[in-house]
N, C-alpha and C. Protein backbone atom coordinates (compact mmCIF):
# COMPACT_ATOMS: atom_id res chain seq x y z
N MET A 1 0.83 -1.21 0.00
CA MET A 1 0.00 0.00 0.00
C MET A 1 0.87 1.26 0.00
N LYS A 2 1.97 1.19 0.76
CA LYS A 2 2.86 2.34 0.82
C LYS A 2 3.47 2.62 -0.54
N ALA A 3 3.85 1.52 -1.25
CA ALA A 3 4.44 1.68 -2.59
C ALA A 3 3.44 2.28 -3.55
N LEU A 4 2.18 1.83 -3.45
CA LEU A 4 1.13 2.36 -4.32
C LEU A 4 0.90 3.83 -4.04
N SER A 5 0.98 4.22 -2.77
CA SER A 5 0.78 5.62 -2.41
C SER A 5 1.88 6.50 -3.00
N ILE A 6 3.11 5.97 -2.98
CA ILE A 6 4.23 6.73 -3.54
C ILE A 6 4.05 6.91 -5.04
N VAL A 7 3.64 5.81 -5.72
CA VAL A 7 3.39 5.89 -7.16
C VAL A 7 2.31 6.91 -7.46
N GLY A 8 1.25 6.89 -6.64
CA GLY A 8 0.16 7.84 -6.84
C GLY A 8 0.61 9.27 -6.70
N LEU A 9 1.47 9.51 -5.70
CA LEU A 9 1.97 10.87 -5.49
C LEU A 9 2.84 11.32 -6.66
N VAL A 10 3.65 10.40 -7.21
CA VAL A 10 4.50 10.73 -8.35
C VAL A 10 3.64 11.09 -9.56
N LEU A 11 2.60 10.28 -9.82
CA LEU A 11 1.71 10.55 -10.95
C LEU A 11 1.00 11.87 -10.77
N PHE A 12 0.55 12.14 -9.55
CA PHE A 12 -0.15 13.39 -9.28
C PHE A 12 0.77 14.57 -9.50
N ALA A 13 2.01 14.43 -9.03
CA ALA A 13 2.99 15.52 -9.20
C ALA A 13 3.24 15.79 -10.67
N GLY A 14 3.31 14.70 -11.48
CA GLY A 14 3.52 14.88 -12.91
C GLY A 14 2.36 15.58 -13.57
N LEU A 15 1.15 15.18 -13.22
CA LEU A 15 -0.04 15.81 -13.78
C LEU A 15 -0.13 17.27 -13.37
N ARG A 16 0.18 17.55 -12.09
CA ARG A 16 0.13 18.93 -11.61
C ARG A 16 1.16 19.78 -12.32
N SER A 17 2.34 19.19 -12.58
CA SER A 17 3.39 19.92 -13.30
C SER A 17 2.94 20.25 -14.71
N ALA A 18 2.34 19.26 -15.40
CA ALA A 18 1.85 19.49 -16.76
C ALA A 18 0.76 20.54 -16.78
N TRP A 19 -0.15 20.46 -15.79
CA TRP A 19 -1.23 21.43 -15.71
C TRP A 19 -0.69 22.83 -15.46
N SER A 20 0.32 22.91 -14.60
CA SER A 20 0.92 24.21 -14.29
C SER A 20 1.57 24.81 -15.52
N ALA A 21 2.28 23.99 -16.28
CA ALA A 21 2.93 24.48 -17.49
C ALA A 21 1.91 24.99 -18.48
N GLU A 22 0.79 24.29 -18.58
CA GLU A 22 -0.27 24.69 -19.51
C GLU A 22 -0.88 26.01 -19.09
N THR A 23 -1.21 26.17 -17.80
CA THR A 23 -1.90 27.37 -17.34
C THR A 23 -0.97 28.57 -17.27
N ASN A 24 0.33 28.36 -17.10
CA ASN A 24 1.27 29.48 -17.01
C ASN A 24 1.72 29.98 -18.38
N HIS A 25 1.42 29.22 -19.42
CA HIS A 25 1.84 29.62 -20.76
C HIS A 25 0.90 30.70 -21.30
N ASN A 26 1.46 31.67 -21.99
CA ASN A 26 0.66 32.78 -22.50
C ASN A 26 0.13 32.46 -23.90
N PHE A 27 -1.03 31.83 -23.97
CA PHE A 27 -1.64 31.51 -25.25
C PHE A 27 -2.34 32.73 -25.87
N ALA A 28 -2.69 33.69 -25.04
CA ALA A 28 -3.45 34.84 -25.51
C ALA A 28 -2.70 35.66 -26.56
N LYS A 29 -1.36 35.60 -26.53
CA LYS A 29 -0.59 36.42 -27.47
C LYS A 29 -0.78 35.98 -28.91
N TRP A 30 -1.33 34.77 -29.11
CA TRP A 30 -1.55 34.27 -30.47
C TRP A 30 -2.98 34.50 -30.96
N GLU A 31 -3.81 35.08 -30.11
CA GLU A 31 -5.23 35.18 -30.44
C GLU A 31 -5.47 35.94 -31.75
N LYS A 32 -4.73 36.99 -31.99
CA LYS A 32 -4.91 37.77 -33.21
C LYS A 32 -4.63 36.92 -34.45
N GLU A 33 -3.54 36.16 -34.42
CA GLU A 33 -3.19 35.33 -35.57
C GLU A 33 -4.18 34.18 -35.77
N ILE A 34 -4.58 33.55 -34.68
CA ILE A 34 -5.52 32.43 -34.78
C ILE A 34 -6.87 32.93 -35.29
N SER A 35 -7.29 34.09 -34.80
CA SER A 35 -8.56 34.67 -35.25
C SER A 35 -8.50 35.02 -36.74
N ALA A 36 -7.31 35.47 -37.20
CA ALA A 36 -7.14 35.79 -38.62
C ALA A 36 -7.27 34.53 -39.47
N PHE A 37 -6.72 33.43 -39.00
CA PHE A 37 -6.89 32.15 -39.70
C PHE A 37 -8.37 31.80 -39.82
N GLU A 38 -9.08 31.95 -38.72
CA GLU A 38 -10.50 31.60 -38.70
C GLU A 38 -11.32 32.49 -39.62
N ALA A 39 -10.97 33.78 -39.64
CA ALA A 39 -11.68 34.71 -40.53
C ALA A 39 -11.44 34.34 -41.99
N GLY A 40 -10.21 33.99 -42.31
CA GLY A 40 -9.91 33.57 -43.67
C GLY A 40 -10.62 32.28 -44.05
N ASP A 41 -10.77 31.38 -43.08
CA ASP A 41 -11.46 30.12 -43.33
C ASP A 41 -12.93 30.33 -43.67
N LYS A 42 -13.52 31.39 -43.11
CA LYS A 42 -14.94 31.67 -43.38
C LYS A 42 -15.15 32.18 -44.80
N THR A 43 -14.23 33.02 -45.26
CA THR A 43 -14.37 33.59 -46.60
C THR A 43 -13.83 32.68 -47.69
N ASN A 44 -12.83 31.86 -47.33
CA ASN A 44 -12.23 30.95 -48.30
C ASN A 44 -11.95 29.62 -47.62
N PRO A 45 -12.96 28.80 -47.41
CA PRO A 45 -12.82 27.55 -46.65
C PRO A 45 -11.79 26.60 -47.28
N PRO A 46 -10.81 26.15 -46.52
CA PRO A 46 -9.83 25.19 -47.04
C PRO A 46 -10.51 23.85 -47.32
N PRO A 47 -9.98 23.08 -48.26
CA PRO A 47 -10.58 21.78 -48.58
C PRO A 47 -10.35 20.77 -47.46
N LYS A 48 -11.32 19.89 -47.26
CA LYS A 48 -11.17 18.81 -46.29
C LYS A 48 -10.16 17.79 -46.85
N GLY A 49 -9.45 17.14 -45.95
CA GLY A 49 -8.54 16.09 -46.35
C GLY A 49 -7.25 16.55 -47.00
N ALA A 50 -6.93 17.84 -46.87
CA ALA A 50 -5.71 18.38 -47.47
C ALA A 50 -4.49 18.02 -46.62
N VAL A 51 -3.33 18.50 -47.04
CA VAL A 51 -2.09 18.30 -46.30
C VAL A 51 -1.81 19.56 -45.50
N LEU A 52 -1.79 19.43 -44.19
CA LEU A 52 -1.63 20.59 -43.31
C LEU A 52 -0.19 20.73 -42.84
N PHE A 53 0.35 21.94 -43.00
CA PHE A 53 1.65 22.29 -42.44
C PHE A 53 1.40 23.21 -41.25
N ILE A 54 1.93 22.85 -40.11
CA ILE A 54 1.70 23.65 -38.91
C ILE A 54 2.97 23.68 -38.07
N GLY A 55 3.13 24.77 -37.31
CA GLY A 55 4.30 24.89 -36.45
C GLY A 55 4.73 26.34 -36.32
N SER A 56 6.02 26.54 -36.17
CA SER A 56 6.54 27.89 -35.90
C SER A 56 6.99 28.60 -37.17
N SER A 57 8.00 29.45 -37.07
CA SER A 57 8.32 30.38 -38.16
C SER A 57 8.78 29.72 -39.45
N THR A 58 9.41 28.56 -39.39
CA THR A 58 9.80 27.89 -40.63
C THR A 58 8.58 27.63 -41.50
N ILE A 59 7.48 27.30 -40.88
CA ILE A 59 6.22 27.08 -41.61
C ILE A 59 5.59 28.41 -41.99
N ARG A 60 5.51 29.33 -41.04
CA ARG A 60 4.85 30.61 -41.31
C ARG A 60 5.49 31.36 -42.47
N LEU A 61 6.81 31.32 -42.56
CA LEU A 61 7.53 32.07 -43.60
C LEU A 61 7.65 31.33 -44.92
N TRP A 62 7.08 30.14 -45.00
CA TRP A 62 7.17 29.34 -46.22
C TRP A 62 6.13 29.85 -47.22
N LYS A 63 6.44 30.93 -47.89
CA LYS A 63 5.51 31.60 -48.80
C LYS A 63 5.28 30.84 -50.10
N THR A 64 6.20 29.98 -50.47
CA THR A 64 6.09 29.24 -51.73
C THR A 64 5.56 27.82 -51.51
N LEU A 65 4.94 27.57 -50.39
CA LEU A 65 4.52 26.21 -50.04
C LEU A 65 3.65 25.57 -51.11
N ALA A 66 2.62 26.28 -51.56
CA ALA A 66 1.71 25.73 -52.58
C ALA A 66 2.43 25.53 -53.91
N GLN A 67 3.33 26.44 -54.24
CA GLN A 67 4.09 26.32 -55.50
C GLN A 67 5.08 25.16 -55.44
N ASP A 68 5.64 24.92 -54.27
CA ASP A 68 6.63 23.86 -54.12
C ASP A 68 6.02 22.47 -54.22
N PHE A 69 4.73 22.36 -53.87
CA PHE A 69 4.05 21.06 -53.91
C PHE A 69 2.73 21.19 -54.69
N PRO A 70 2.82 21.46 -55.98
CA PRO A 70 1.62 21.76 -56.77
C PRO A 70 0.67 20.58 -56.97
N SER A 71 1.14 19.38 -56.75
CA SER A 71 0.28 18.21 -57.00
C SER A 71 -0.63 17.87 -55.82
N VAL A 72 -0.48 18.58 -54.69
CA VAL A 72 -1.33 18.31 -53.53
C VAL A 72 -1.93 19.61 -53.01
N LYS A 73 -3.05 19.50 -52.32
CA LYS A 73 -3.66 20.65 -51.68
C LYS A 73 -3.01 20.84 -50.31
N VAL A 74 -2.41 22.01 -50.10
CA VAL A 74 -1.72 22.27 -48.84
C VAL A 74 -2.36 23.44 -48.10
N ILE A 75 -2.28 23.37 -46.79
CA ILE A 75 -2.76 24.44 -45.91
C ILE A 75 -1.60 24.85 -45.01
N ASN A 76 -1.33 26.14 -44.92
CA ASN A 76 -0.25 26.64 -44.06
C ASN A 76 -0.85 27.29 -42.82
N ARG A 77 -0.55 26.72 -41.67
CA ARG A 77 -1.02 27.29 -40.41
C ARG A 77 0.14 27.45 -39.43
N GLY A 78 1.24 28.01 -39.96
CA GLY A 78 2.37 28.31 -39.10
C GLY A 78 2.19 29.65 -38.43
N PHE A 79 2.62 29.77 -37.19
CA PHE A 79 2.62 31.07 -36.51
C PHE A 79 3.94 31.22 -35.77
N GLY A 80 4.72 32.18 -36.27
CA GLY A 80 6.10 32.35 -35.85
C GLY A 80 6.28 32.65 -34.38
N GLY A 81 7.29 32.01 -33.80
CA GLY A 81 7.56 32.19 -32.38
C GLY A 81 6.82 31.20 -31.50
N SER A 82 5.97 30.40 -32.09
CA SER A 82 5.15 29.46 -31.32
C SER A 82 5.96 28.27 -30.84
N GLU A 83 5.48 27.65 -29.78
CA GLU A 83 6.05 26.43 -29.25
C GLU A 83 5.08 25.28 -29.51
N ILE A 84 5.51 24.06 -29.22
CA ILE A 84 4.67 22.90 -29.50
C ILE A 84 3.34 22.99 -28.75
N VAL A 85 3.37 23.43 -27.50
CA VAL A 85 2.13 23.50 -26.73
C VAL A 85 1.11 24.45 -27.36
N ASP A 86 1.58 25.43 -28.14
CA ASP A 86 0.66 26.35 -28.80
C ASP A 86 -0.13 25.64 -29.89
N SER A 87 0.54 24.81 -30.68
CA SER A 87 -0.16 24.06 -31.72
C SER A 87 -1.15 23.08 -31.09
N THR A 88 -0.78 22.49 -29.97
CA THR A 88 -1.68 21.57 -29.27
C THR A 88 -2.90 22.33 -28.75
N HIS A 89 -2.65 23.47 -28.16
CA HIS A 89 -3.73 24.27 -27.56
C HIS A 89 -4.74 24.74 -28.60
N PHE A 90 -4.26 25.14 -29.77
CA PHE A 90 -5.14 25.70 -30.79
C PHE A 90 -5.59 24.68 -31.84
N ALA A 91 -5.34 23.41 -31.57
CA ALA A 91 -5.71 22.37 -32.53
C ALA A 91 -7.21 22.39 -32.85
N GLU A 92 -8.02 22.71 -31.86
CA GLU A 92 -9.47 22.75 -32.05
C GLU A 92 -9.86 23.78 -33.10
N ARG A 93 -9.02 24.78 -33.30
CA ARG A 93 -9.37 25.89 -34.18
C ARG A 93 -8.60 25.88 -35.50
N ILE A 94 -7.38 25.33 -35.51
CA ILE A 94 -6.58 25.40 -36.74
C ILE A 94 -6.03 24.05 -37.21
N ILE A 95 -6.56 22.98 -36.66
CA ILE A 95 -6.23 21.64 -37.17
C ILE A 95 -7.49 20.84 -37.44
N PHE A 96 -8.26 20.60 -36.42
CA PHE A 96 -9.41 19.70 -36.52
C PHE A 96 -10.47 20.12 -37.54
N PRO A 97 -10.76 21.42 -37.70
CA PRO A 97 -11.79 21.80 -38.67
C PRO A 97 -11.47 21.39 -40.11
N TYR A 98 -10.18 21.22 -40.43
CA TYR A 98 -9.77 20.91 -41.80
C TYR A 98 -9.78 19.40 -42.09
N GLU A 99 -9.82 18.60 -41.02
CA GLU A 99 -9.78 17.15 -41.17
C GLU A 99 -8.66 16.72 -42.13
N PRO A 100 -7.43 17.18 -41.87
CA PRO A 100 -6.34 16.88 -42.80
C PRO A 100 -6.03 15.39 -42.87
N SER A 101 -5.63 14.95 -44.04
CA SER A 101 -5.23 13.55 -44.20
C SER A 101 -3.81 13.33 -43.68
N ARG A 102 -2.99 14.39 -43.79
CA ARG A 102 -1.61 14.34 -43.32
C ARG A 102 -1.24 15.66 -42.69
N ILE A 103 -0.36 15.59 -41.69
CA ILE A 103 0.09 16.79 -40.99
C ILE A 103 1.61 16.79 -40.97
N PHE A 104 2.19 17.90 -41.45
CA PHE A 104 3.63 18.09 -41.38
C PHE A 104 3.90 19.13 -40.29
N PHE A 105 4.64 18.72 -39.28
CA PHE A 105 4.78 19.50 -38.05
C PHE A 105 6.24 19.91 -37.83
N ARG A 106 6.44 21.20 -37.68
CA ARG A 106 7.80 21.72 -37.42
C ARG A 106 7.72 22.72 -36.26
N ALA A 107 8.09 22.29 -35.10
CA ALA A 107 8.09 23.15 -33.91
C ALA A 107 9.03 22.52 -32.89
N GLY A 108 9.44 23.32 -31.92
CA GLY A 108 10.33 22.83 -30.89
C GLY A 108 11.58 23.66 -30.71
N GLY A 109 11.99 24.37 -31.76
CA GLY A 109 13.19 25.20 -31.66
C GLY A 109 13.03 26.35 -30.68
N ASN A 110 11.87 26.98 -30.71
CA ASN A 110 11.62 28.08 -29.77
C ASN A 110 11.51 27.56 -28.34
N ASP A 111 11.02 26.34 -28.21
CA ASP A 111 10.92 25.71 -26.89
C ASP A 111 12.31 25.55 -26.27
N LEU A 112 13.24 25.04 -27.09
CA LEU A 112 14.61 24.87 -26.62
C LEU A 112 15.26 26.21 -26.30
N ALA A 113 15.01 27.20 -27.16
CA ALA A 113 15.57 28.54 -26.94
C ALA A 113 15.02 29.18 -25.67
N ALA A 114 13.82 28.77 -25.28
CA ALA A 114 13.20 29.31 -24.06
C ALA A 114 13.71 28.63 -22.80
N GLY A 115 14.56 27.61 -22.97
CA GLY A 115 15.16 26.97 -21.81
C GLY A 115 14.70 25.56 -21.52
N LYS A 116 13.77 25.04 -22.31
CA LYS A 116 13.32 23.67 -22.08
C LYS A 116 14.40 22.68 -22.51
N SER A 117 14.41 21.54 -21.86
CA SER A 117 15.34 20.49 -22.24
C SER A 117 14.77 19.72 -23.43
N ALA A 118 15.62 18.95 -24.11
CA ALA A 118 15.15 18.14 -25.23
C ALA A 118 14.08 17.16 -24.76
N GLU A 119 14.24 16.64 -23.56
CA GLU A 119 13.27 15.69 -23.02
C GLU A 119 11.92 16.34 -22.76
N GLU A 120 11.93 17.57 -22.29
CA GLU A 120 10.68 18.28 -22.04
C GLU A 120 9.96 18.59 -23.35
N VAL A 121 10.72 19.00 -24.37
CA VAL A 121 10.12 19.30 -25.67
C VAL A 121 9.58 18.01 -26.31
N PHE A 122 10.29 16.94 -26.15
CA PHE A 122 9.84 15.64 -26.66
C PHE A 122 8.51 15.24 -26.00
N SER A 123 8.40 15.49 -24.72
CA SER A 123 7.15 15.21 -24.01
C SER A 123 6.00 16.03 -24.57
N ASP A 124 6.29 17.29 -24.89
CA ASP A 124 5.26 18.15 -25.50
C ASP A 124 4.86 17.63 -26.88
N TYR A 125 5.83 17.13 -27.62
CA TYR A 125 5.55 16.54 -28.93
C TYR A 125 4.62 15.34 -28.79
N LYS A 126 4.89 14.49 -27.83
CA LYS A 126 4.03 13.32 -27.62
C LYS A 126 2.62 13.73 -27.22
N ASP A 127 2.51 14.80 -26.45
CA ASP A 127 1.19 15.33 -26.09
C ASP A 127 0.45 15.83 -27.33
N PHE A 128 1.19 16.48 -28.23
CA PHE A 128 0.59 16.95 -29.48
C PHE A 128 0.05 15.78 -30.28
N VAL A 129 0.86 14.75 -30.42
CA VAL A 129 0.44 13.56 -31.17
C VAL A 129 -0.80 12.94 -30.54
N ALA A 130 -0.80 12.79 -29.22
CA ALA A 130 -1.94 12.18 -28.53
C ALA A 130 -3.20 13.00 -28.73
N ASN A 131 -3.07 14.32 -28.68
CA ASN A 131 -4.21 15.20 -28.86
C ASN A 131 -4.81 15.07 -30.26
N VAL A 132 -3.94 15.05 -31.27
CA VAL A 132 -4.40 14.91 -32.64
C VAL A 132 -5.02 13.53 -32.86
N ARG A 133 -4.40 12.52 -32.30
CA ARG A 133 -4.88 11.15 -32.48
C ARG A 133 -6.33 10.96 -31.97
N GLN A 134 -6.68 11.69 -30.92
CA GLN A 134 -8.02 11.56 -30.36
C GLN A 134 -9.09 11.95 -31.36
N ARG A 135 -8.82 12.97 -32.16
CA ARG A 135 -9.81 13.48 -33.10
C ARG A 135 -9.58 13.02 -34.53
N LEU A 136 -8.31 12.79 -34.87
CA LEU A 136 -7.95 12.41 -36.24
C LEU A 136 -7.10 11.15 -36.20
N PRO A 137 -7.68 10.02 -35.83
CA PRO A 137 -6.89 8.79 -35.66
C PRO A 137 -6.23 8.27 -36.93
N LYS A 138 -6.74 8.67 -38.09
CA LYS A 138 -6.18 8.17 -39.35
C LYS A 138 -5.18 9.13 -39.99
N ALA A 139 -5.05 10.32 -39.44
CA ALA A 139 -4.14 11.31 -40.03
C ALA A 139 -2.68 10.95 -39.75
N GLU A 140 -1.88 10.97 -40.78
CA GLU A 140 -0.45 10.70 -40.64
C GLU A 140 0.25 11.98 -40.18
N ILE A 141 1.09 11.86 -39.16
CA ILE A 141 1.78 13.03 -38.61
C ILE A 141 3.29 12.88 -38.88
N THR A 142 3.84 13.85 -39.59
CA THR A 142 5.27 13.82 -39.92
C THR A 142 5.98 14.97 -39.22
N PHE A 143 6.99 14.63 -38.45
CA PHE A 143 7.79 15.64 -37.76
C PHE A 143 8.97 16.03 -38.65
N ILE A 144 9.06 17.31 -38.96
CA ILE A 144 10.20 17.81 -39.75
C ILE A 144 11.33 18.12 -38.77
N GLY A 145 12.37 17.31 -38.83
CA GLY A 145 13.46 17.44 -37.87
C GLY A 145 14.16 18.79 -37.92
N TRP A 146 14.89 19.07 -36.86
CA TRP A 146 15.56 20.37 -36.75
C TRP A 146 16.93 20.37 -37.41
N ASN A 147 17.20 21.46 -38.11
CA ASN A 147 18.52 21.68 -38.70
C ASN A 147 19.20 22.83 -37.95
N PRO A 148 20.50 22.82 -37.88
CA PRO A 148 21.21 23.90 -37.19
C PRO A 148 21.10 25.23 -37.92
N THR A 149 21.18 26.31 -37.18
CA THR A 149 21.20 27.65 -37.74
C THR A 149 22.39 28.41 -37.15
N ILE A 150 22.75 29.48 -37.82
CA ILE A 150 23.87 30.29 -37.33
C ILE A 150 23.50 30.97 -36.01
N ALA A 151 22.30 31.52 -35.95
CA ALA A 151 21.88 32.29 -34.78
C ALA A 151 21.76 31.43 -33.53
N ARG A 152 21.38 30.15 -33.73
CA ARG A 152 21.16 29.28 -32.57
C ARG A 152 22.13 28.10 -32.56
N TRP A 153 23.33 28.34 -33.03
CA TRP A 153 24.33 27.28 -33.05
C TRP A 153 24.62 26.76 -31.65
N SER A 154 24.44 27.60 -30.64
CA SER A 154 24.71 27.20 -29.26
C SER A 154 23.77 26.11 -28.76
N GLN A 155 22.62 25.94 -29.40
CA GLN A 155 21.67 24.92 -28.94
C GLN A 155 21.64 23.71 -29.88
N VAL A 156 22.65 23.58 -30.72
CA VAL A 156 22.65 22.51 -31.72
C VAL A 156 22.62 21.12 -31.08
N GLU A 157 23.30 20.94 -29.94
CA GLU A 157 23.30 19.63 -29.30
C GLU A 157 21.91 19.29 -28.76
N LYS A 158 21.19 20.27 -28.27
CA LYS A 158 19.83 20.03 -27.80
C LYS A 158 18.91 19.69 -28.97
N GLU A 159 19.12 20.34 -30.11
CA GLU A 159 18.33 20.04 -31.29
C GLU A 159 18.59 18.62 -31.78
N LYS A 160 19.84 18.21 -31.75
CA LYS A 160 20.19 16.85 -32.15
C LYS A 160 19.57 15.83 -31.20
N ALA A 161 19.56 16.15 -29.91
CA ALA A 161 18.97 15.25 -28.93
C ALA A 161 17.46 15.13 -29.14
N LEU A 162 16.81 16.25 -29.43
CA LEU A 162 15.37 16.22 -29.70
C LEU A 162 15.08 15.40 -30.95
N ASN A 163 15.85 15.62 -32.00
CA ASN A 163 15.68 14.84 -33.23
C ASN A 163 15.78 13.34 -32.95
N ALA A 164 16.77 12.97 -32.16
CA ALA A 164 17.00 11.55 -31.86
C ALA A 164 15.83 10.95 -31.09
N LEU A 165 15.31 11.69 -30.14
CA LEU A 165 14.18 11.20 -29.34
C LEU A 165 12.94 11.01 -30.22
N VAL A 166 12.65 11.99 -31.06
CA VAL A 166 11.48 11.89 -31.94
C VAL A 166 11.67 10.75 -32.94
N LYS A 167 12.82 10.66 -33.52
CA LYS A 167 13.09 9.61 -34.52
C LYS A 167 12.89 8.22 -33.93
N GLN A 168 13.43 8.00 -32.75
CA GLN A 168 13.28 6.70 -32.10
C GLN A 168 11.81 6.40 -31.80
N TYR A 169 11.09 7.40 -31.33
CA TYR A 169 9.68 7.24 -31.00
C TYR A 169 8.85 6.93 -32.25
N VAL A 170 9.14 7.64 -33.32
CA VAL A 170 8.41 7.45 -34.58
C VAL A 170 8.63 6.04 -35.13
N GLU A 171 9.85 5.55 -35.03
CA GLU A 171 10.17 4.23 -35.56
C GLU A 171 9.42 3.11 -34.84
N GLN A 172 8.94 3.41 -33.63
CA GLN A 172 8.22 2.42 -32.84
C GLN A 172 6.71 2.66 -32.85
N SER A 173 6.26 3.61 -33.66
CA SER A 173 4.85 3.99 -33.66
C SER A 173 4.23 3.85 -35.04
N HIS A 174 2.93 3.72 -35.07
CA HIS A 174 2.20 3.61 -36.33
C HIS A 174 1.63 4.97 -36.72
N GLY A 175 1.72 5.31 -37.99
CA GLY A 175 1.13 6.56 -38.48
C GLY A 175 1.94 7.80 -38.22
N LEU A 176 3.19 7.61 -37.79
CA LEU A 176 4.09 8.74 -37.54
C LEU A 176 5.31 8.61 -38.43
N LYS A 177 5.83 9.76 -38.87
CA LYS A 177 7.04 9.77 -39.68
C LYS A 177 7.97 10.87 -39.20
N TYR A 178 9.23 10.73 -39.59
CA TYR A 178 10.25 11.71 -39.23
C TYR A 178 11.10 12.00 -40.46
N ILE A 179 11.35 13.28 -40.74
CA ILE A 179 12.21 13.67 -41.86
C ILE A 179 13.44 14.37 -41.31
N ASP A 180 14.60 13.82 -41.58
CA ASP A 180 15.84 14.42 -41.11
C ASP A 180 16.25 15.58 -42.02
N THR A 181 16.53 16.72 -41.44
CA THR A 181 16.98 17.89 -42.22
C THR A 181 18.29 18.45 -41.67
N TYR A 182 18.92 17.72 -40.76
CA TYR A 182 20.10 18.27 -40.09
C TYR A 182 21.19 18.69 -41.07
N SER A 183 21.44 17.85 -42.06
CA SER A 183 22.56 18.13 -42.99
C SER A 183 22.22 19.17 -44.04
N LEU A 184 20.96 19.57 -44.10
CA LEU A 184 20.48 20.45 -45.17
C LEU A 184 21.32 21.71 -45.36
N PRO A 185 21.59 22.49 -44.30
CA PRO A 185 22.33 23.73 -44.51
C PRO A 185 23.82 23.63 -44.21
N ILE A 186 24.30 22.43 -43.92
CA ILE A 186 25.69 22.29 -43.47
C ILE A 186 26.68 22.38 -44.63
N GLY A 187 27.73 23.19 -44.43
CA GLY A 187 28.76 23.35 -45.45
C GLY A 187 29.93 22.42 -45.20
N ALA A 188 30.99 22.57 -45.98
CA ALA A 188 32.17 21.72 -45.89
C ALA A 188 32.88 21.85 -44.54
N ASP A 189 32.68 22.99 -43.87
CA ASP A 189 33.33 23.21 -42.57
C ASP A 189 32.51 22.67 -41.41
N GLY A 190 31.35 22.03 -41.73
CA GLY A 190 30.51 21.48 -40.67
C GLY A 190 29.59 22.48 -40.01
N LYS A 191 29.56 23.69 -40.51
CA LYS A 191 28.72 24.75 -39.96
C LYS A 191 27.63 25.15 -40.98
N PRO A 192 26.55 25.80 -40.51
CA PRO A 192 25.49 26.24 -41.43
C PRO A 192 26.02 27.26 -42.45
N ARG A 193 25.57 27.14 -43.68
CA ARG A 193 26.01 28.03 -44.76
C ARG A 193 25.21 29.35 -44.71
N ALA A 194 25.92 30.45 -44.60
CA ALA A 194 25.28 31.76 -44.44
C ALA A 194 24.40 32.13 -45.61
N GLU A 195 24.74 31.67 -46.82
CA GLU A 195 23.98 32.05 -48.01
C GLU A 195 22.59 31.42 -48.07
N LEU A 196 22.25 30.55 -47.11
CA LEU A 196 20.93 29.92 -47.09
C LEU A 196 19.98 30.57 -46.10
N PHE A 197 20.47 31.62 -45.40
CA PHE A 197 19.67 32.23 -44.34
C PHE A 197 19.40 33.71 -44.59
N MET A 198 18.33 34.18 -44.00
CA MET A 198 18.02 35.61 -44.00
C MET A 198 19.07 36.35 -43.16
N PRO A 199 19.08 37.68 -43.20
CA PRO A 199 20.05 38.43 -42.41
C PRO A 199 20.02 38.12 -40.91
N ASP A 200 18.86 37.63 -40.40
CA ASP A 200 18.80 37.31 -38.98
C ASP A 200 19.57 36.03 -38.64
N LYS A 201 20.05 35.32 -39.66
CA LYS A 201 20.84 34.10 -39.50
C LYS A 201 20.08 32.98 -38.81
N LEU A 202 18.76 33.11 -38.78
CA LEU A 202 17.92 32.12 -38.11
C LEU A 202 16.96 31.45 -39.08
N HIS A 203 16.37 32.25 -39.98
CA HIS A 203 15.35 31.74 -40.88
C HIS A 203 15.90 31.53 -42.29
N PHE A 204 15.40 30.51 -42.96
CA PHE A 204 15.82 30.23 -44.32
C PHE A 204 15.42 31.39 -45.26
N ASN A 205 16.25 31.65 -46.25
CA ASN A 205 15.86 32.54 -47.34
C ASN A 205 15.32 31.67 -48.48
N ALA A 206 15.11 32.23 -49.64
CA ALA A 206 14.52 31.49 -50.75
C ALA A 206 15.36 30.27 -51.12
N GLU A 207 16.68 30.41 -51.10
CA GLU A 207 17.55 29.28 -51.44
C GLU A 207 17.46 28.17 -50.40
N GLY A 208 17.33 28.56 -49.15
CA GLY A 208 17.17 27.57 -48.09
C GLY A 208 15.87 26.80 -48.23
N TYR A 209 14.81 27.51 -48.58
CA TYR A 209 13.52 26.85 -48.75
C TYR A 209 13.51 25.91 -49.95
N LYS A 210 14.30 26.23 -50.97
CA LYS A 210 14.40 25.32 -52.12
C LYS A 210 14.96 23.97 -51.67
N LEU A 211 15.97 24.01 -50.81
CA LEU A 211 16.55 22.78 -50.30
C LEU A 211 15.57 22.03 -49.40
N LEU A 212 14.85 22.78 -48.56
CA LEU A 212 13.88 22.16 -47.67
C LEU A 212 12.75 21.50 -48.46
N ALA A 213 12.28 22.19 -49.49
CA ALA A 213 11.20 21.64 -50.33
C ALA A 213 11.66 20.37 -51.03
N ALA A 214 12.89 20.37 -51.51
CA ALA A 214 13.42 19.19 -52.19
C ALA A 214 13.52 18.00 -51.24
N ARG A 215 13.91 18.27 -49.98
CA ARG A 215 14.03 17.20 -49.00
C ARG A 215 12.65 16.61 -48.66
N LEU A 216 11.62 17.47 -48.60
CA LEU A 216 10.29 17.01 -48.21
C LEU A 216 9.46 16.45 -49.35
N ARG A 217 9.82 16.80 -50.58
CA ARG A 217 8.96 16.46 -51.73
C ARG A 217 8.59 14.98 -51.81
N PRO A 218 9.51 14.05 -51.61
CA PRO A 218 9.12 12.63 -51.70
C PRO A 218 8.05 12.23 -50.67
N TYR A 219 8.03 12.95 -49.54
CA TYR A 219 7.06 12.64 -48.49
C TYR A 219 5.72 13.33 -48.74
N VAL A 220 5.79 14.56 -49.26
CA VAL A 220 4.56 15.34 -49.46
C VAL A 220 3.81 14.88 -50.70
N GLU A 221 4.54 14.64 -51.76
CA GLU A 221 3.90 14.31 -53.04
C GLU A 221 3.85 12.82 -53.32
N LYS A 222 3.83 12.02 -52.28
CA LYS A 222 3.80 10.57 -52.47
C LYS A 222 2.43 10.14 -52.99
C-alpha cells in the first residue's frame, strides 16, 4: 500500500506539473493570428482532407509552399515564435476543422531557446500527437526534424537530442514519420552556410527553402 501511495503521489505531481505548465503559458498572445486564420477560413474555406503544415516560423515564412508542392492541396497554419504547446492548444481551431489527411509538423526550436530540455520538448511533442490522435486517428503526422542555424548554433546539441528522441519514437509507432533535415544547410566546414539564411541568420531565405522543399517532396507528393 505504501508503494502504491508513492506511485500515486508521483503521478499526481507529474499531472500537476503538466497542468501548471499549460496554465502558465501565454496563449493569448496568439489570439490575433488564430482569429485571422479563422476569418480567412470563413471567406475561403480550405478543402477537407488536405495536407496541413503547422508549427513555428519555418512554416509561417514558407511563402512558396503551394508552388513547391503543386500536386497536392496544402494548408499553411504556421505562426512564428510558437512552441509545441501552442499548436496543441489551438488544434481545435486550426487543425481539426480541416480534417487533414496528413500533418507536417515543425516546432520545438523556440521551446529549446526558451530553456526547455530536449526531453521536455519531446514530451510536449508526444502530447501533441496524442491530442491529434483523439480526433484524427487516421491522419499521418510527420515531424520535420531540426537543422542547425547560425543564430542558434549554441543549442545545436539540444536540437540533435530532440531529433533523436522523436526519430526513435516514430520508428516504434504507427502513423508517424520523421524527416531528417540536419545536414540540409551544413557546409564543408561542418557549420550552417550563411547564403541559405536571411540576415537574422535564423530563418531560411529562398535558397534555403528550395533545399527544404526538395528534402520534403518525396514525403509530401507521395
